[in-house]
């Protein structure tokens, strides 16, 4: 008799794990890990190539399923994603940039200029917290200023969750927790804050994808 299991894909900053978990006992039926390399295109820059991340996920998932040797019945596929990663995508949901990690420090100077204008104080008043100098909207401003041709071809401000969902043919939504990691979410409700988006001088169309509850993200 086949065991009832769920598959968990856990995306970290350096690799992805695919786990097959027995729902009755919590025991691991299989676990596979695939690591993706970091790409260093310049000083203080750290990126992950989206297609490499996707291929690693496919490979880990296939190997985990193969390891069960047909002894499992799969009830669901669920995910865990690292926050604060960002990338841009075009109108067809195809990446126009690589995934920039939180440890990428290319935009420190842009953040300093932005903060001097008094915008950091306003962000704190709206969001109730400080902003990191490598926050997602600051990295988006970097592309807007330093790579305008790429920025103009981009339609969406994506994170890893949205990229993976789009590759699966699903709507590229954000759940509440991932939306908060973008520092553009409305602190008083579900959705995006137009005032925060404007505070970073970003076009509103970058944040038109839905924000839903974590239990509502279906893959």
C-alpha atoms as a PDB file:
ATOM      1  CA  UNK A   1       0.000   0.000   0.000  1.00  0.00           C
ATOM      2  CA  UNK A   2       1.355   3.405  -0.937  1.00  0.00           C
ATOM      3  CA  UNK A   3       2.049   5.951   1.775  1.00  0.00           C
ATOM      4  CA  UNK A   4       0.224   9.280   1.695  1.00  0.00           C
ATOM      5  CA  UNK A   5       2.857  11.999   1.403  1.00  0.00           C
ATOM      6  CA  UNK A   6       3.381  15.664   0.590  1.00  0.00           C
ATOM      7  CA  UNK A   7       6.322  17.091  -1.333  1.00  0.00           C
ATOM      8  CA  UNK A   8       8.081  20.134   0.089  1.00  0.00           C
ATOM      9  CA  UNK A   9      10.318  22.340  -2.050  1.00  0.00           C
ATOM     10  CA  UNK A  10      12.488  24.524   0.173  1.00  0.00           C
ATOM     11  CA  UNK A  11      14.285  27.304  -1.718  1.00  0.00           C
ATOM     12  CA  UNK A  12      17.279  28.697   0.168  1.00  0.00           C
ATOM     13  CA  UNK A  13      19.801  31.280  -0.941  1.00  0.00           C
ATOM     14  CA  UNK A  14      22.345  28.643  -1.957  1.00  0.00           C
ATOM     15  CA  UNK A  15      20.245  25.645  -2.935  1.00  0.00           C
ATOM     16  CA  UNK A  16      16.890  23.889  -3.026  1.00  0.00           C
ATOM     17  CA  UNK A  17      15.734  20.855  -1.062  1.00  0.00           C
ATOM     18  CA  UNK A  18      12.998  18.492  -2.174  1.00  0.00           C
ATOM     19  CA  UNK A  19      11.517  16.458   0.659  1.00  0.00           C
ATOM     20  CA  UNK A  20       8.850  13.764   0.512  1.00  0.00           C
ATOM     21  CA  UNK A  21       7.122  13.660   3.903  1.00  0.00           C
ATOM     22  CA  UNK A  22       4.799  10.959   5.254  1.00  0.00           C
ATOM     23  CA  UNK A  23       1.649  12.784   6.411  1.00  0.00           C
ATOM     24  CA  UNK A  24       0.772  10.236   9.107  1.00  0.00           C
ATOM     25  CA  UNK A  25       4.155  10.049  10.822  1.00  0.00           C
ATOM     26  CA  UNK A  26       6.083  13.093   9.620  1.00  0.00           C
ATOM     27  CA  UNK A  27       8.929  10.817   8.577  1.00  0.00           C
ATOM     28  CA  UNK A  28      11.032  11.613   5.544  1.00  0.00           C
ATOM     29  CA  UNK A  29      10.468   9.246   2.666  1.00  0.00           C
ATOM     30  CA  UNK A  30      13.115  11.001   0.565  1.00  0.00           C
ATOM     31  CA  UNK A  31      15.288  14.111   0.628  1.00  0.00           C
ATOM     32  CA  UNK A  32      17.330  15.550  -2.224  1.00  0.00           C
ATOM     33  CA  UNK A  33      19.370  18.763  -2.359  1.00  0.00           C
ATOM     34  CA  UNK A  34      20.675  20.673  -5.355  1.00  0.00           C
ATOM     35  CA  UNK A  35      22.899  23.699  -5.001  1.00  0.00           C
ATOM     36  CA  UNK A  36      22.910  26.653  -7.377  1.00  0.00           C
ATOM     37  CA  UNK A  37      25.991  28.837  -7.728  1.00  0.00           C
ATOM     38  CA  UNK A  38      26.169  32.507  -6.935  1.00  0.00           C
ATOM     39  CA  UNK A  39      27.134  34.765  -9.813  1.00  0.00           C
ATOM     40  CA  UNK A  40      29.367  37.782  -9.182  1.00  0.00           C
ATOM     41  CA  UNK A  41      28.998  40.150 -12.177  1.00  0.00           C
ATOM     42  CA  UNK A  42      30.777  43.064 -10.498  1.00  0.00           C
ATOM     43  CA  UNK A  43      31.932  44.613  -7.270  1.00  0.00           C
ATOM     44  CA  UNK A  44      29.458  44.127  -4.378  1.00  0.00           C
ATOM     45  CA  UNK A  45      27.078  42.227  -6.681  1.00  0.00           C
ATOM     46  CA  UNK A  46      25.666  38.779  -5.898  1.00  0.00           C
ATOM     47  CA  UNK A  47      23.103  37.093  -8.141  1.00  0.00           C
ATOM     48  CA  UNK A  48      21.425  33.782  -8.894  1.00  0.00           C
ATOM     49  CA  UNK A  49      20.511  32.910 -12.485  1.00  0.00           C
ATOM     50  CA  UNK A  50      16.725  32.211 -12.477  1.00  0.00           C
ATOM     51  CA  UNK A  51      16.834  29.377 -14.999  1.00  0.00           C
ATOM     52  CA  UNK A  52      19.560  27.629 -13.008  1.00  0.00           C
ATOM     53  CA  UNK A  53      17.427  27.834  -9.855  1.00  0.00           C
ATOM     54  CA  UNK A  54      14.474  26.371 -11.759  1.00  0.00           C
ATOM     55  CA  UNK A  55      16.492  23.521 -13.243  1.00  0.00           C
ATOM     56  CA  UNK A  56      17.902  22.664  -9.806  1.00  0.00           C
ATOM     57  CA  UNK A  57      14.374  22.539  -8.403  1.00  0.00           C
ATOM     58  CA  UNK A  58      13.221  20.223 -11.179  1.00  0.00           C
ATOM     59  CA  UNK A  59      16.240  17.978 -10.711  1.00  0.00           C
ATOM     60  CA  UNK A  60      15.822  17.776  -6.920  1.00  0.00           C
ATOM     61  CA  UNK A  61      12.104  17.080  -7.237  1.00  0.00           C
ATOM     62  CA  UNK A  62      12.611  14.340  -9.825  1.00  0.00           C
ATOM     63  CA  UNK A  63      15.344  12.678  -7.787  1.00  0.00           C
ATOM     64  CA  UNK A  64      13.221  12.739  -4.619  1.00  0.00           C
ATOM     65  CA  UNK A  65      10.267  11.139  -6.394  1.00  0.00           C
ATOM     66  CA  UNK A  66      12.528   8.509  -7.964  1.00  0.00           C
ATOM     67  CA  UNK A  67      13.992   7.712  -4.549  1.00  0.00           C
ATOM     68  CA  UNK A  68      10.572   6.634  -3.246  1.00  0.00           C
ATOM     69  CA  UNK A  69      10.527   3.881  -5.897  1.00  0.00           C
ATOM     70  CA  UNK A  70       6.805   4.267  -6.541  1.00  0.00           C
ATOM     71  CA  UNK A  71       5.874   3.679  -2.908  1.00  0.00           C
ATOM     72  CA  UNK A  72       4.182   7.004  -2.279  1.00  0.00           C
ATOM     73  CA  UNK A  73       0.896   8.679  -3.068  1.00  0.00           C
ATOM     74  CA  UNK A  74       1.457  12.428  -3.411  1.00  0.00           C
ATOM     75  CA  UNK A  75      -1.289  14.567  -1.911  1.00  0.00           C
ATOM     76  CA  UNK A  76       0.180  18.040  -2.358  1.00  0.00           C
ATOM     77  CA  UNK A  77       3.186  20.122  -3.288  1.00  0.00           C
ATOM     78  CA  UNK A  78       4.122  22.915  -0.904  1.00  0.00           C
ATOM     79  CA  UNK A  79       6.895  25.474  -0.791  1.00  0.00           C
ATOM     80  CA  UNK A  80       9.220  27.521   1.349  1.00  0.00           C
ATOM     81  CA  UNK A  81      11.031  30.505  -0.174  1.00  0.00           C
ATOM     82  CA  UNK A  82      13.797  32.809   0.958  1.00  0.00           C
ATOM     83  CA  UNK A  83      12.636  36.399   1.295  1.00  0.00           C
ATOM     84  CA  UNK A  84      14.167  39.648   0.059  1.00  0.00           C
ATOM     85  CA  UNK A  85      15.385  38.210  -3.238  1.00  0.00           C
ATOM     86  CA  UNK A  86      14.293  40.330  -6.199  1.00  0.00           C
ATOM     87  CA  UNK A  87      14.258  40.252  -9.957  1.00  0.00           C
ATOM     88  CA  UNK A  88      12.440  41.977 -12.778  1.00  0.00           C
ATOM     89  CA  UNK A  89      10.257  40.234 -15.362  1.00  0.00           C
ATOM     90  CA  UNK A  90       8.677  41.336 -18.628  1.00  0.00           C
ATOM     91  CA  UNK A  91       5.025  41.302 -19.678  1.00  0.00           C
ATOM     92  CA  UNK A  92       5.352  37.610 -20.593  1.00  0.00           C
ATOM     93  CA  UNK A  93       6.648  36.805 -17.079  1.00  0.00           C
ATOM     94  CA  UNK A  94      10.122  36.103 -18.449  1.00  0.00           C
ATOM     95  CA  UNK A  95      13.108  37.310 -16.375  1.00  0.00           C
ATOM     96  CA  UNK A  96      14.811  40.491 -17.534  1.00  0.00           C
ATOM     97  CA  UNK A  97      17.368  40.316 -14.714  1.00  0.00           C
ATOM     98  CA  UNK A  98      18.957  37.728 -12.477  1.00  0.00           C
ATOM     99  CA  UNK A  99      17.828  37.264  -8.866  1.00  0.00           C
ATOM    100  CA  UNK A 100      19.583  39.775  -6.603  1.00  0.00           C
ATOM    101  CA  UNK A 101      20.214  38.586  -3.060  1.00  0.00           C
ATOM    102  CA  UNK A 102      19.862  40.667   0.094  1.00  0.00           C
ATOM    103  CA  UNK A 103      23.641  40.540   0.499  1.00  0.00           C
ATOM    104  CA  UNK A 104      24.049  42.359  -2.830  1.00  0.00           C
ATOM    105  CA  UNK A 105      25.358  45.834  -1.933  1.00  0.00           C
ATOM    106  CA  UNK A 106      25.471  47.534  -5.328  1.00  0.00           C
ATOM    107  CA  UNK A 107      22.833  50.085  -4.361  1.00  0.00           C
ATOM    108  CA  UNK A 108      24.332  51.462  -1.127  1.00  0.00           C
ATOM    109  CA  UNK A 109      25.055  54.823  -2.767  1.00  0.00           C
ATOM    110  CA  UNK A 110      21.539  55.101  -4.181  1.00  0.00           C
ATOM    111  CA  UNK A 111      20.112  54.341  -0.756  1.00  0.00           C
ATOM    112  CA  UNK A 112      22.258  57.089   0.781  1.00  0.00           C
ATOM    113  CA  UNK A 113      21.000  59.646  -1.739  1.00  0.00           C
ATOM    114  CA  UNK A 114      17.415  58.533  -1.197  1.00  0.00           C
ATOM    115  CA  UNK A 115      17.727  58.739   2.607  1.00  0.00           C
ATOM    116  CA  UNK A 116      19.200  62.249   2.483  1.00  0.00           C
ATOM    117  CA  UNK A 117      15.983  63.467   0.866  1.00  0.00           C
ATOM    118  CA  UNK A 118      14.100  62.612   4.055  1.00  0.00           C
ATOM    119  CA  UNK A 119      12.326  59.640   2.516  1.00  0.00           C
ATOM    120  CA  UNK A 120      13.726  57.174   5.043  1.00  0.00           C
ATOM    121  CA  UNK A 121      11.883  58.995   7.826  1.00  0.00           C
ATOM    122  CA  UNK A 122       8.628  58.857   5.872  1.00  0.00           C
ATOM    123  CA  UNK A 123       9.131  55.148   5.186  1.00  0.00           C
ATOM    124  CA  UNK A 124       9.546  54.550   8.917  1.00  0.00           C
ATOM    125  CA  UNK A 125       6.354  56.491   9.644  1.00  0.00           C
ATOM    126  CA  UNK A 126       4.359  54.414   7.152  1.00  0.00           C
ATOM    127  CA  UNK A 127       5.884  50.969   7.648  1.00  0.00           C
ATOM    128  CA  UNK A 128       6.808  51.218  11.322  1.00  0.00           C
ATOM    129  CA  UNK A 129      10.326  49.890  10.797  1.00  0.00           C
ATOM    130  CA  UNK A 130      13.714  50.835   9.403  1.00  0.00           C
ATOM    131  CA  UNK A 131      14.714  50.139   5.809  1.00  0.00           C
ATOM    132  CA  UNK A 132      17.837  48.181   4.881  1.00  0.00           C
ATOM    133  CA  UNK A 133      20.199  49.760   2.371  1.00  0.00           C
ATOM    134  CA  UNK A 134      19.808  46.725   0.110  1.00  0.00           C
ATOM    135  CA  UNK A 135      16.009  46.487   0.369  1.00  0.00           C
ATOM    136  CA  UNK A 136      14.030  45.263  -2.639  1.00  0.00           C
ATOM    137  CA  UNK A 137      12.742  48.700  -3.762  1.00  0.00           C
ATOM    138  CA  UNK A 138      16.245  50.182  -3.475  1.00  0.00           C
ATOM    139  CA  UNK A 139      17.571  47.465  -5.777  1.00  0.00           C
ATOM    140  CA  UNK A 140      14.718  48.229  -8.177  1.00  0.00           C
ATOM    141  CA  UNK A 141      15.777  51.898  -8.157  1.00  0.00           C
ATOM    142  CA  UNK A 142      19.288  50.774  -9.081  1.00  0.00           C
ATOM    143  CA  UNK A 143      18.013  49.115 -12.248  1.00  0.00           C
ATOM    144  CA  UNK A 144      15.895  52.165 -13.008  1.00  0.00           C
ATOM    145  CA  UNK A 145      18.967  54.422 -12.901  1.00  0.00           C
ATOM    146  CA  UNK A 146      21.855  52.191 -13.957  1.00  0.00           C
ATOM    147  CA  UNK A 147      20.164  49.884 -16.494  1.00  0.00           C
ATOM    148  CA  UNK A 148      17.229  51.931 -17.852  1.00  0.00           C
ATOM    149  CA  UNK A 149      16.887  49.846 -21.015  1.00  0.00           C
ATOM    150  CA  UNK A 150      16.329  46.723 -18.901  1.00  0.00           C
ATOM    151  CA  UNK A 151      14.005  48.557 -16.533  1.00  0.00           C
ATOM    152  CA  UNK A 152      11.849  49.833 -19.385  1.00  0.00           C
ATOM    153  CA  UNK A 153      11.455  46.290 -20.735  1.00  0.00           C
ATOM    154  CA  UNK A 154      10.301  45.076 -17.320  1.00  0.00           C
ATOM    155  CA  UNK A 155       6.700  44.879 -16.210  1.00  0.00           C
ATOM    156  CA  UNK A 156       6.827  43.128 -12.841  1.00  0.00           C
ATOM    157  CA  UNK A 157       8.882  43.255  -9.666  1.00  0.00           C
ATOM    158  CA  UNK A 158       9.230  39.563  -8.857  1.00  0.00           C
ATOM    159  CA  UNK A 159      10.649  37.507  -6.024  1.00  0.00           C
ATOM    160  CA  UNK A 160      11.494  33.807  -6.047  1.00  0.00           C
ATOM    161  CA  UNK A 161       7.958  32.793  -5.095  1.00  0.00           C
ATOM    162  CA  UNK A 162       6.454  34.587  -8.081  1.00  0.00           C
ATOM    163  CA  UNK A 163       9.089  33.304 -10.478  1.00  0.00           C
ATOM    164  CA  UNK A 164       8.564  29.670  -9.463  1.00  0.00           C
ATOM    165  CA  UNK A 165       4.776  29.970  -9.616  1.00  0.00           C
ATOM    166  CA  UNK A 166       4.974  31.536 -13.080  1.00  0.00           C
ATOM    167  CA  UNK A 167       7.229  28.715 -14.298  1.00  0.00           C
ATOM    168  CA  UNK A 168       4.607  26.249 -13.058  1.00  0.00           C
ATOM    169  CA  UNK A 169       1.920  28.015 -15.073  1.00  0.00           C
ATOM    170  CA  UNK A 170       0.287  29.476 -11.977  1.00  0.00           C
ATOM    171  CA  UNK A 171      -0.639  33.090 -11.294  1.00  0.00           C
ATOM    172  CA  UNK A 172       2.456  34.864  -9.879  1.00  0.00           C
ATOM    173  CA  UNK A 173       0.925  35.934  -6.591  1.00  0.00           C
ATOM    174  CA  UNK A 174       2.658  36.833  -3.349  1.00  0.00           C
ATOM    175  CA  UNK A 175       1.530  35.558   0.002  1.00  0.00           C
ATOM    176  CA  UNK A 176       1.403  38.018   2.916  1.00  0.00           C
ATOM    177  CA  UNK A 177       4.816  37.123   4.333  1.00  0.00           C
ATOM    178  CA  UNK A 178       6.641  37.369   1.010  1.00  0.00           C
ATOM    179  CA  UNK A 179       4.925  40.665   0.202  1.00  0.00           C
ATOM    180  CA  UNK A 180       6.214  42.152   3.447  1.00  0.00           C
ATOM    181  CA  UNK A 181       9.760  41.229   2.402  1.00  0.00           C
ATOM    182  CA  UNK A 182       9.417  43.603  -0.557  1.00  0.00           C
ATOM    183  CA  UNK A 183       8.939  46.591   1.791  1.00  0.00           C
ATOM    184  CA  UNK A 184       6.125  47.823  -0.442  1.00  0.00           C
ATOM    185  CA  UNK A 185       3.154  46.118   1.196  1.00  0.00           C
ATOM    186  CA  UNK A 186       0.354  48.101   2.812  1.00  0.00           C
ATOM    187  CA  UNK A 187       0.960  47.773   6.596  1.00  0.00           C
ATOM    188  CA  UNK A 188      -2.742  48.314   7.300  1.00  0.00           C
ATOM    189  CA  UNK A 189      -4.161  45.673   5.000  1.00  0.00           C
ATOM    190  CA  UNK A 190      -3.579  43.137   2.271  1.00  0.00           C
ATOM    191  CA  UNK A 191      -2.087  44.484  -0.927  1.00  0.00           C
ATOM    192  CA  UNK A 192       0.468  47.029  -2.029  1.00  0.00           C
ATOM    193  CA  UNK A 193       0.906  50.565  -0.719  1.00  0.00           C
ATOM    194  CA  UNK A 194       0.742  53.150  -3.469  1.00  0.00           C
ATOM    195  CA  UNK A 195       2.398  55.659  -1.165  1.00  0.00           C
ATOM    196  CA  UNK A 196       5.367  53.373  -0.513  1.00  0.00           C
ATOM    197  CA  UNK A 197       5.749  52.607  -4.219  1.00  0.00           C
ATOM    198  CA  UNK A 198       5.697  56.339  -4.936  1.00  0.00           C
ATOM    199  CA  UNK A 199       8.172  57.017  -2.145  1.00  0.00           C
ATOM    200  CA  UNK A 200      10.761  55.078  -4.160  1.00  0.00           C
ATOM    201  CA  UNK A 201       9.718  56.777  -7.430  1.00  0.00           C
ATOM    202  CA  UNK A 202       8.814  53.411  -8.932  1.00  0.00           C
ATOM    203  CA  UNK A 203       6.005  52.906 -11.479  1.00  0.00           C
ATOM    204  CA  UNK A 204       2.884  51.398  -9.953  1.00  0.00           C
ATOM    205  CA  UNK A 205       2.606  48.657 -12.574  1.00  0.00           C
ATOM    206  CA  UNK A 206       5.578  46.848 -10.999  1.00  0.00           C
ATOM    207  CA  UNK A 207       3.322  45.861  -8.094  1.00  0.00           C
ATOM    208  CA  UNK A 208       0.038  44.892  -9.709  1.00  0.00           C
ATOM    209  CA  UNK A 209       0.218  41.187  -8.863  1.00  0.00           C
ATOM    210  CA  UNK A 210      -2.209  39.989  -6.153  1.00  0.00           C
ATOM    211  CA  UNK A 211      -1.314  39.493  -2.500  1.00  0.00           C
ATOM    212  CA  UNK A 212      -3.099  36.542  -0.878  1.00  0.00           C
ATOM    213  CA  UNK A 213      -3.005  34.547   2.326  1.00  0.00           C
ATOM    214  CA  UNK A 214      -0.325  31.890   2.553  1.00  0.00           C
ATOM    215  CA  UNK A 215      -2.942  29.118   2.557  1.00  0.00           C
ATOM    216  CA  UNK A 216      -4.384  30.490  -0.688  1.00  0.00           C
ATOM    217  CA  UNK A 217      -1.215  30.070  -2.767  1.00  0.00           C
ATOM    218  CA  UNK A 218      -1.857  27.004  -4.874  1.00  0.00           C
ATOM    219  CA  UNK A 219       0.902  25.270  -6.818  1.00  0.00           C
END
